[in-house]
Amino acid sequence: MLQFARDSTAADWGEFAHITGYWFLDCPGDWQPPRDRVNFLEAGSPPVCVGFGSTLSRDTKQMADLVLKALAQSHQRGLLVAGWGGLSQSDLPPDVFMVDTVPFDGLFPRVAAAVQHGGAGTTACAWRAGIPSVVVPFALDQLFGCRLVSRSETGPEPIPLKQITVDRLAYAIRLAVMDQPTRTRAAALGEKIRSEDGVENAVRIIEQVILRRN
């Protein structure tokens, strides 16, 4: 779980409002990824992870074709996460791997960038891993997430779903993977987030409130 913090200078906040930092629920310490996934990750350069959570476009096959073409045009290996319109591993080129589900805390530190929808959880996990995000927002909080990525300059400008093309996505992927200032900002933000303990901060605040009321 995580908390999406608002601007700490908001004038309408009372003393009851606290920013704790993100809350993450990581995999158990003894968890091991499947061997075929490990083999793919170790077989070449870090891939670009592409996944849009539960919010894929209506034509998933068309989106899958667009993503595969953009990865090929940007000369990047890819790891696709779920929801790809009936695609199987046999449909994919050798430099692209697909998984149904994957814990981002274990995967993101091993990829070059994340192409994602801007959801709160995915954005936070990418930031903590210190990798750039290419955000393709669909709706709801994803629009907020894409603005935060843009404001922090930890990824290229977001690509609205209705404006996505092979060329635009390929260009954004190349920028996320190869632009050093973007990667430096993402890495620095990752260090800051990893230095926080949002859960511990939240527990401390709750305990302080309970003590004051007793």
C-alpha atoms as a PDB file:
ATOM      1  CA  MET A   1       0.000   0.000   0.000  1.00  0.00           C
ATOM      2  CA  LEU A   2       1.079   3.584  -0.342  1.00  0.00           C
ATOM      3  CA  GLN A   3       0.028   7.102   0.417  1.00  0.00           C
ATOM      4  CA  PHE A   4      -0.088   9.745  -2.299  1.00  0.00           C
ATOM      5  CA  ALA A   5       1.101  12.928  -0.589  1.00  0.00           C
ATOM      6  CA  ARG A   6      -0.177  16.321  -1.645  1.00  0.00           C
ATOM      7  CA  ASP A   7       1.798  19.532  -1.612  1.00  0.00           C
ATOM      8  CA  SER A   8       2.969  20.010   1.981  1.00  0.00           C
ATOM      9  CA  THR A   9       2.434  23.776   1.718  1.00  0.00           C
ATOM     10  CA  ALA A  10      -1.311  23.516   1.094  1.00  0.00           C
ATOM     11  CA  ALA A  11      -2.895  26.423   2.957  1.00  0.00           C
ATOM     12  CA  ASP A  12      -6.051  24.525   3.861  1.00  0.00           C
ATOM     13  CA  TRP A  13      -4.266  21.791   5.808  1.00  0.00           C
ATOM     14  CA  GLY A  14      -4.711  21.671   9.541  1.00  0.00           C
ATOM     15  CA  GLU A  15      -2.322  20.202  12.102  1.00  0.00           C
ATOM     16  CA  PHE A  16      -4.141  16.885  11.772  1.00  0.00           C
ATOM     17  CA  ALA A  17      -2.749  16.393   8.250  1.00  0.00           C
ATOM     18  CA  HIS A  18       0.584  14.562   8.006  1.00  0.00           C
ATOM     19  CA  ILE A  19       2.840  13.468   5.161  1.00  0.00           C
ATOM     20  CA  THR A  20       4.362  10.126   6.087  1.00  0.00           C
ATOM     21  CA  GLY A  21       5.961   9.088   2.825  1.00  0.00           C
ATOM     22  CA  TYR A  22       4.902   6.120   0.717  1.00  0.00           C
ATOM     23  CA  TRP A  23       3.658   2.861   2.186  1.00  0.00           C
ATOM     24  CA  PHE A  24       4.987  -0.163   0.282  1.00  0.00           C
ATOM     25  CA  LEU A  25       4.044  -3.813   0.659  1.00  0.00           C
ATOM     26  CA  ASP A  26       7.042  -5.750  -0.594  1.00  0.00           C
ATOM     27  CA  CYS A  27       7.441  -9.405  -1.458  1.00  0.00           C
ATOM     28  CA  PRO A  28       8.469 -11.800   1.317  1.00  0.00           C
ATOM     29  CA  GLY A  29      12.209 -12.047   1.721  1.00  0.00           C
ATOM     30  CA  ASP A  30      12.294 -15.660   0.524  1.00  0.00           C
ATOM     31  CA  TRP A  31      10.364 -14.996  -2.704  1.00  0.00           C
ATOM     32  CA  GLN A  32      12.118 -16.095  -5.888  1.00  0.00           C
ATOM     33  CA  PRO A  33      11.132 -15.122  -9.455  1.00  0.00           C
ATOM     34  CA  PRO A  34      10.535 -17.858 -12.036  1.00  0.00           C
ATOM     35  CA  ARG A  35      13.678 -19.141 -13.687  1.00  0.00           C
ATOM     36  CA  ASP A  36      12.594 -18.245 -17.230  1.00  0.00           C
ATOM     37  CA  ARG A  37      12.135 -14.618 -16.205  1.00  0.00           C
ATOM     38  CA  VAL A  38      15.551 -14.541 -14.557  1.00  0.00           C
ATOM     39  CA  ASN A  39      17.097 -16.076 -17.668  1.00  0.00           C
ATOM     40  CA  PHE A  40      15.545 -13.359 -19.841  1.00  0.00           C
ATOM     41  CA  LEU A  41      16.692 -10.531 -17.569  1.00  0.00           C
ATOM     42  CA  GLU A  42      20.229 -11.911 -17.509  1.00  0.00           C
ATOM     43  CA  ALA A  43      20.398 -12.556 -21.260  1.00  0.00           C
ATOM     44  CA  GLY A  44      21.000  -8.961 -22.300  1.00  0.00           C
ATOM     45  CA  SER A  45      20.689  -5.294 -21.429  1.00  0.00           C
ATOM     46  CA  PRO A  46      18.001  -4.239 -18.919  1.00  0.00           C
ATOM     47  CA  PRO A  47      14.641  -4.304 -20.719  1.00  0.00           C
ATOM     48  CA  VAL A  48      11.906  -1.698 -20.744  1.00  0.00           C
ATOM     49  CA  CYS A  49       8.932  -2.832 -18.679  1.00  0.00           C
ATOM     50  CA  VAL A  50       5.570  -2.119 -20.336  1.00  0.00           C
ATOM     51  CA  GLY A  51       2.334  -2.498 -18.410  1.00  0.00           C
ATOM     52  CA  PHE A  52      -0.855  -0.513 -18.013  1.00  0.00           C
ATOM     53  CA  GLY A  53      -2.369  -2.242 -15.002  1.00  0.00           C
ATOM     54  CA  SER A  54      -6.067  -2.976 -15.391  1.00  0.00           C
ATOM     55  CA  THR A  55      -6.657  -0.073 -17.787  1.00  0.00           C
ATOM     56  CA  LEU A  56      -5.869  -1.240 -21.283  1.00  0.00           C
ATOM     57  CA  SER A  57      -7.426   0.206 -24.410  1.00  0.00           C
ATOM     58  CA  ARG A  58     -10.403  -1.539 -25.960  1.00  0.00           C
ATOM     59  CA  ASP A  59      -8.286  -2.914 -28.800  1.00  0.00           C
ATOM     60  CA  THR A  60      -5.568  -4.707 -26.857  1.00  0.00           C
ATOM     61  CA  LYS A  61      -4.192  -6.425 -29.951  1.00  0.00           C
ATOM     62  CA  GLN A  62      -3.673  -3.070 -31.683  1.00  0.00           C
ATOM     63  CA  MET A  63      -1.969  -1.671 -28.580  1.00  0.00           C
ATOM     64  CA  ALA A  64       0.253  -4.738 -28.323  1.00  0.00           C
ATOM     65  CA  ASP A  65       1.305  -4.367 -31.965  1.00  0.00           C
ATOM     66  CA  LEU A  66       2.067  -0.674 -31.391  1.00  0.00           C
ATOM     67  CA  VAL A  67       4.170  -1.429 -28.301  1.00  0.00           C
ATOM     68  CA  LEU A  68       6.138  -4.174 -30.050  1.00  0.00           C
ATOM     69  CA  LYS A  69       6.862  -1.889 -33.016  1.00  0.00           C
ATOM     70  CA  ALA A  70       7.944   0.938 -30.696  1.00  0.00           C
ATOM     71  CA  LEU A  71      10.299  -1.370 -28.799  1.00  0.00           C
ATOM     72  CA  ALA A  72      11.814  -2.571 -32.081  1.00  0.00           C
ATOM     73  CA  GLN A  73      12.147   0.984 -33.419  1.00  0.00           C
ATOM     74  CA  SER A  74      13.848   2.135 -30.212  1.00  0.00           C
ATOM     75  CA  HIS A  75      16.144  -0.936 -30.234  1.00  0.00           C
ATOM     76  CA  GLN A  76      15.135  -1.930 -26.711  1.00  0.00           C
ATOM     77  CA  ARG A  77      14.362  -5.265 -25.139  1.00  0.00           C
ATOM     78  CA  GLY A  78      10.931  -5.390 -23.533  1.00  0.00           C
ATOM     79  CA  LEU A  79       9.088  -7.088 -20.711  1.00  0.00           C
ATOM     80  CA  LEU A  80       5.290  -6.947 -21.074  1.00  0.00           C
ATOM     81  CA  VAL A  81       3.130  -7.223 -17.970  1.00  0.00           C
ATOM     82  CA  ALA A  82      -0.331  -8.806 -18.439  1.00  0.00           C
ATOM     83  CA  GLY A  83      -3.405  -7.826 -20.404  1.00  0.00           C
ATOM     84  CA  TRP A  84      -2.060  -8.116 -23.927  1.00  0.00           C
ATOM     85  CA  GLY A  85      -5.089  -9.298 -25.864  1.00  0.00           C
ATOM     86  CA  GLY A  86      -4.442 -13.024 -25.966  1.00  0.00           C
ATOM     87  CA  LEU A  87      -0.771 -12.783 -26.887  1.00  0.00           C
ATOM     88  CA  SER A  88       1.378 -15.715 -25.862  1.00  0.00           C
ATOM     89  CA  GLN A  89       5.131 -15.943 -25.481  1.00  0.00           C
ATOM     90  CA  SER A  90       5.291 -17.722 -28.848  1.00  0.00           C
ATOM     91  CA  ASP A  91       3.874 -14.601 -30.530  1.00  0.00           C
ATOM     92  CA  LEU A  92       6.757 -12.440 -29.336  1.00  0.00           C
ATOM     93  CA  PRO A  93      10.231 -11.763 -30.744  1.00  0.00           C
ATOM     94  CA  PRO A  94      13.198 -13.205 -28.781  1.00  0.00           C
ATOM     95  CA  ASP A  95      13.973  -9.843 -27.172  1.00  0.00           C
ATOM     96  CA  VAL A  96      10.501  -9.461 -25.627  1.00  0.00           C
ATOM     97  CA  PHE A  97       9.193 -11.461 -22.664  1.00  0.00           C
ATOM     98  CA  MET A  98       5.692 -11.494 -21.172  1.00  0.00           C
ATOM     99  CA  VAL A  99       4.429 -12.169 -17.645  1.00  0.00           C
ATOM    100  CA  ASP A 100       0.933 -12.317 -16.158  1.00  0.00           C
ATOM    101  CA  THR A 101       1.829 -10.697 -12.846  1.00  0.00           C
ATOM    102  CA  VAL A 102       5.049  -9.487 -11.294  1.00  0.00           C
ATOM    103  CA  PRO A 103       6.025  -7.724  -8.043  1.00  0.00           C
ATOM    104  CA  PHE A 104       7.429  -4.364  -9.043  1.00  0.00           C
ATOM    105  CA  ASP A 105       9.725  -4.125  -6.017  1.00  0.00           C
ATOM    106  CA  GLY A 106      11.673  -7.079  -7.408  1.00  0.00           C
ATOM    107  CA  LEU A 107      11.453  -6.198 -11.094  1.00  0.00           C
ATOM    108  CA  PHE A 108      11.840  -2.429 -11.438  1.00  0.00           C
ATOM    109  CA  PRO A 109      15.419  -2.234 -10.096  1.00  0.00           C
ATOM    110  CA  ARG A 110      16.365  -4.560 -12.967  1.00  0.00           C
ATOM    111  CA  VAL A 111      14.762  -2.665 -15.860  1.00  0.00           C
ATOM    112  CA  ALA A 112      15.859   0.428 -17.760  1.00  0.00           C
ATOM    113  CA  ALA A 113      12.530   2.272 -17.656  1.00  0.00           C
ATOM    114  CA  ALA A 114       8.809   1.722 -17.186  1.00  0.00           C
ATOM    115  CA  VAL A 115       6.126   2.448 -19.770  1.00  0.00           C
ATOM    116  CA  GLN A 116       3.047   2.706 -17.582  1.00  0.00           C
ATOM    117  CA  HIS A 117      -0.336   4.329 -17.064  1.00  0.00           C
ATOM    118  CA  GLY A 118       0.529   6.759 -14.254  1.00  0.00           C
ATOM    119  CA  GLY A 119      -1.371   4.937 -11.528  1.00  0.00           C
ATOM    120  CA  ALA A 120      -0.322   5.846  -8.002  1.00  0.00           C
ATOM    121  CA  GLY A 121       1.178   2.475  -7.128  1.00  0.00           C
ATOM    122  CA  THR A 122       3.121   1.907 -10.326  1.00  0.00           C
ATOM    123  CA  THR A 123       4.460   5.469 -10.378  1.00  0.00           C
ATOM    124  CA  ALA A 124       5.640   5.199  -6.776  1.00  0.00           C
ATOM    125  CA  CYS A 125       7.365   1.869  -7.428  1.00  0.00           C
ATOM    126  CA  ALA A 126       9.161   3.277 -10.480  1.00  0.00           C
ATOM    127  CA  TRP A 127      10.302   6.302  -8.499  1.00  0.00           C
ATOM    128  CA  ARG A 128      11.564   4.159  -5.626  1.00  0.00           C
ATOM    129  CA  ALA A 129      13.531   2.023  -8.079  1.00  0.00           C
ATOM    130  CA  GLY A 130      15.073   5.198  -9.504  1.00  0.00           C
ATOM    131  CA  ILE A 131      14.012   4.541 -13.087  1.00  0.00           C
ATOM    132  CA  PRO A 132      12.344   6.923 -15.566  1.00  0.00           C
ATOM    133  CA  SER A 133       8.699   6.471 -16.531  1.00  0.00           C
ATOM    134  CA  VAL A 134       7.023   6.899 -19.884  1.00  0.00           C
ATOM    135  CA  VAL A 135       3.435   7.631 -18.851  1.00  0.00           C
ATOM    136  CA  VAL A 136       0.443   6.901 -21.069  1.00  0.00           C
ATOM    137  CA  PRO A 137      -2.489   8.067 -18.914  1.00  0.00           C
ATOM    138  CA  PHE A 138      -5.953   6.649 -19.479  1.00  0.00           C
ATOM    139  CA  ALA A 139      -8.136   8.345 -16.826  1.00  0.00           C
ATOM    140  CA  LEU A 140      -8.712   9.214 -13.151  1.00  0.00           C
ATOM    141  CA  ASP A 141      -5.652   9.503 -10.874  1.00  0.00           C
ATOM    142  CA  GLN A 142      -3.383   8.588 -13.786  1.00  0.00           C
ATOM    143  CA  LEU A 143      -3.660  12.172 -15.024  1.00  0.00           C
ATOM    144  CA  PHE A 144      -2.326  13.336 -11.649  1.00  0.00           C
ATOM    145  CA  GLY A 145       0.477  10.775 -11.783  1.00  0.00           C
ATOM    146  CA  CYS A 146       1.572  11.891 -15.240  1.00  0.00           C
ATOM    147  CA  ARG A 147       1.708  15.511 -14.074  1.00  0.00           C
ATOM    148  CA  LEU A 148       3.966  14.523 -11.178  1.00  0.00           C
ATOM    149  CA  VAL A 149       6.328  12.648 -13.489  1.00  0.00           C
ATOM    150  CA  SER A 150       6.381  15.654 -15.819  1.00  0.00           C
ATOM    151  CA  ARG A 151       6.900  18.138 -12.966  1.00  0.00           C
ATOM    152  CA  SER A 152       9.752  16.104 -11.475  1.00  0.00           C
ATOM    153  CA  GLU A 153      11.297  15.597 -14.946  1.00  0.00           C
ATOM    154  CA  THR A 154      11.772  11.895 -14.207  1.00  0.00           C
ATOM    155  CA  GLY A 155      10.483  10.907 -17.618  1.00  0.00           C
ATOM    156  CA  PRO A 156       9.591  12.339 -21.014  1.00  0.00           C
ATOM    157  CA  GLU A 157       6.380  14.259 -21.507  1.00  0.00           C
ATOM    158  CA  PRO A 158       3.347  11.985 -21.069  1.00  0.00           C
ATOM    159  CA  ILE A 159       1.603  10.620 -24.151  1.00  0.00           C
ATOM    160  CA  PRO A 160      -2.207  10.778 -23.937  1.00  0.00           C
ATOM    161  CA  LEU A 161      -3.774   7.509 -25.048  1.00  0.00           C
ATOM    162  CA  LYS A 162      -5.584   9.117 -27.993  1.00  0.00           C
ATOM    163  CA  GLN A 163      -2.314  10.610 -29.247  1.00  0.00           C
ATOM    164  CA  ILE A 164      -0.071   7.576 -28.979  1.00  0.00           C
ATOM    165  CA  THR A 165       1.760   6.439 -32.104  1.00  0.00           C
ATOM    166  CA  VAL A 166       4.659   4.098 -32.761  1.00  0.00           C
ATOM    167  CA  ASP A 167       6.980   7.035 -33.442  1.00  0.00           C
ATOM    168  CA  ARG A 168       5.972   8.972 -30.301  1.00  0.00           C
ATOM    169  CA  LEU A 169       6.314   5.956 -28.041  1.00  0.00           C
ATOM    170  CA  ALA A 170       9.626   4.901 -29.573  1.00  0.00           C
ATOM    171  CA  TYR A 171      11.010   8.422 -29.134  1.00  0.00           C
ATOM    172  CA  ALA A 172       9.843   8.549 -25.500  1.00  0.00           C
ATOM    173  CA  ILE A 173      11.376   5.147 -24.773  1.00  0.00           C
ATOM    174  CA  ARG A 174      14.714   6.222 -26.247  1.00  0.00           C
ATOM    175  CA  LEU A 175      14.636   9.393 -24.169  1.00  0.00           C
ATOM    176  CA  ALA A 176      13.815   7.508 -20.962  1.00  0.00           C
ATOM    177  CA  VAL A 177      16.598   5.006 -21.525  1.00  0.00           C
ATOM    178  CA  MET A 178      19.315   7.232 -22.966  1.00  0.00           C
ATOM    179  CA  ASP A 179      18.845  10.784 -21.639  1.00  0.00           C
ATOM    180  CA  GLN A 180      21.308  11.058 -18.758  1.00  0.00           C
ATOM    181  CA  PRO A 181      19.793  14.111 -16.995  1.00  0.00           C
ATOM    182  CA  THR A 182      16.422  12.330 -16.853  1.00  0.00           C
ATOM    183  CA  ARG A 183      18.026   9.179 -15.498  1.00  0.00           C
ATOM    184  CA  THR A 184      20.032  11.177 -12.952  1.00  0.00           C
ATOM    185  CA  ARG A 185      16.892  12.908 -11.635  1.00  0.00           C
ATOM    186  CA  ALA A 186      15.047   9.590 -11.423  1.00  0.00           C
ATOM    187  CA  ALA A 187      17.940   7.970  -9.559  1.00  0.00           C
ATOM    188  CA  ALA A 188      18.172  10.870  -7.100  1.00  0.00           C
ATOM    189  CA  LEU A 189      14.436  10.725  -6.377  1.00  0.00           C
ATOM    190  CA  GLY A 190      14.734   6.984  -5.857  1.00  0.00           C
ATOM    191  CA  GLU A 191      17.415   7.509  -3.228  1.00  0.00           C
ATOM    192  CA  LYS A 192      15.189   9.950  -1.347  1.00  0.00           C
ATOM    193  CA  ILE A 193      12.166   7.644  -1.375  1.00  0.00           C
ATOM    194  CA  ARG A 194      14.223   4.626  -0.310  1.00  0.00           C
ATOM    195  CA  SER A 195      15.538   6.638   2.642  1.00  0.00           C
ATOM    196  CA  GLU A 196      11.965   7.123   3.931  1.00  0.00           C
ATOM    197  CA  ASP A 197       9.916   4.709   5.996  1.00  0.00           C
ATOM    198  CA  GLY A 198       6.331   5.790   5.488  1.00  0.00           C
ATOM    199  CA  VAL A 199       4.876   2.973   7.567  1.00  0.00           C
ATOM    200  CA  GLU A 200       7.149   3.709  10.534  1.00  0.00           C
ATOM    201  CA  ASN A 201       6.309   7.415  10.282  1.00  0.00           C
ATOM    202  CA  ALA A 202       2.589   6.635  10.209  1.00  0.00           C
ATOM    203  CA  VAL A 203       2.841   4.343  13.239  1.00  0.00           C
ATOM    204  CA  ARG A 204       4.743   6.996  15.174  1.00  0.00           C
ATOM    205  CA  ILE A 205       2.128   9.649  14.384  1.00  0.00           C
ATOM    206  CA  ILE A 206      -0.735   7.345  15.374  1.00  0.00           C
ATOM    207  CA  GLU A 207       0.955   6.493  18.648  1.00  0.00           C
ATOM    208  CA  GLN A 208       1.510  10.173  19.399  1.00  0.00           C
ATOM    209  CA  VAL A 209      -2.163  10.938  18.754  1.00  0.00           C
ATOM    210  CA  ILE A 210      -3.258   8.085  21.018  1.00  0.00           C
ATOM    211  CA  LEU A 211      -0.950   9.242  23.806  1.00  0.00           C
ATOM    212  CA  ARG A 212      -2.242  12.803  23.613  1.00  0.00           C
ATOM    213  CA  ARG A 213      -5.828  11.595  23.920  1.00  0.00           C
ATOM    214  CA  ASN A 214      -5.201   9.306  26.883  1.00  0.00           C
END
